[in-house]
Amino acid sequence: MKVLIPSSLRSYTGQREVTARGATLAAVLDDLERHYPGIRFRMIDEQGGIRRHIRLFYRQAQVFDLTAPVSDDGELLIVQALSGG
């Protein structure tokens, strides 16, 4: 699956687009972690939930459940909200 990486996470991947495999969103994120250690922690909290400043879109629809099924021909867009004052 094609995974679009936001600029704030590109220090892990070195590129704006990578590929990952898995039957569920969680499995795709685990695959990303295998190839780019540390990236999953930036998106998933200690309780296994999506961090509140992260949005995940699969086939242009926001996904809230990490057990959601995905396929290799899909596209995952990771969006990280910016904050500041």
Protein backbone atom coordinates (compact mmCIF):
# COMPACT_ATOMS: atom_id res chain seq x y z
CA MET A 1 0.00 0.00 0.00
CA LYS A 2 1.14 3.53 -0.66
CA VAL A 3 1.59 5.57 2.53
CA LEU A 4 1.87 9.36 2.31
CA ILE A 5 4.09 10.71 5.08
CA PRO A 6 3.63 14.24 6.50
CA SER A 7 6.69 16.48 6.62
CA SER A 8 6.82 16.21 10.43
CA LEU A 9 7.48 12.44 10.18
CA ARG A 10 9.82 12.44 7.19
CA SER A 11 12.85 12.41 9.46
CA TYR A 12 11.98 8.71 9.96
CA THR A 13 11.43 7.79 6.32
CA GLY A 14 13.50 10.32 4.39
CA GLN A 15 10.75 10.51 1.79
CA ARG A 16 7.17 11.67 1.41
CA GLU A 17 5.84 8.39 0.11
CA VAL A 18 6.64 4.84 1.21
CA THR A 19 5.02 1.42 0.92
CA ALA A 20 3.80 -0.83 3.70
CA ARG A 21 1.91 -4.11 3.93
CA GLY A 22 -0.77 -5.46 6.20
CA ALA A 23 -4.35 -6.72 6.30
CA THR A 24 -5.40 -4.13 8.91
CA LEU A 25 -4.41 -0.57 9.66
CA ALA A 26 -2.55 -1.78 12.77
CA ALA A 27 -0.57 -4.27 10.68
CA VAL A 28 0.38 -1.53 8.20
CA LEU A 29 1.61 0.68 11.05
CA ASP A 30 3.57 -2.28 12.46
CA ASP A 31 5.17 -2.78 9.05
CA LEU A 32 6.10 0.91 8.94
CA GLU A 33 7.68 0.52 12.38
CA ARG A 34 9.77 -2.45 11.18
CA HIS A 35 11.18 -0.36 8.34
CA TYR A 36 11.29 3.02 10.12
CA PRO A 37 11.83 2.44 13.87
CA GLY A 38 10.15 4.99 16.12
CA ILE A 39 7.54 6.22 13.65
CA ARG A 40 4.63 4.25 15.16
CA PHE A 41 5.08 5.85 18.59
CA ARG A 42 4.60 9.28 17.01
CA MET A 43 1.13 8.16 15.81
CA ILE A 44 -0.06 5.64 18.42
CA ASP A 45 -0.16 6.27 22.17
CA GLU A 46 0.79 3.94 25.02
CA GLN A 47 -2.77 2.60 25.25
CA GLY A 48 -2.77 1.61 21.58
CA GLY A 49 -5.01 4.45 20.38
CA ILE A 50 -4.42 6.97 17.62
CA ARG A 51 -2.88 10.11 19.11
CA ARG A 52 -5.31 13.04 19.13
CA HIS A 53 -3.18 15.18 16.83
CA ILE A 54 -2.97 12.43 14.18
CA ARG A 55 -5.56 11.74 11.49
CA LEU A 56 -5.40 8.64 9.32
CA PHE A 57 -7.24 8.53 5.99
CA TYR A 58 -7.64 5.34 4.00
CA ARG A 59 -9.09 5.74 0.52
CA GLN A 60 -9.98 9.34 1.42
CA ALA A 61 -12.07 8.40 4.48
CA GLN A 62 -10.89 9.02 8.02
CA VAL A 63 -10.21 5.81 9.95
CA PHE A 64 -10.63 5.67 13.72
CA ASP A 65 -10.24 1.92 14.29
CA LEU A 66 -6.83 0.27 13.97
CA THR A 67 -8.51 -3.07 13.28
CA ALA A 68 -10.05 -1.67 10.07
CA PRO A 69 -9.25 -3.90 7.09
CA VAL A 70 -7.06 -2.45 4.34
CA SER A 71 -5.65 -3.75 1.07
CA ASP A 72 -2.33 -3.43 -0.70
CA ASP A 73 -3.87 -1.45 -3.56
CA GLY A 74 -5.13 1.29 -1.21
CA GLU A 75 -3.57 4.54 -0.07
CA LEU A 76 -3.02 5.70 3.50
CA LEU A 77 -2.63 9.39 4.20
CA ILE A 78 -1.17 10.39 7.57
CA VAL A 79 -2.01 13.93 8.70
CA GLN A 80 -0.47 15.52 11.75
CA ALA A 81 -2.11 18.63 13.20
CA LEU A 82 0.14 21.55 13.98
CA SER A 83 -0.22 23.55 17.16
CA GLY A 84 1.36 26.57 18.62
CA GLY A 85 0.65 30.05 19.76
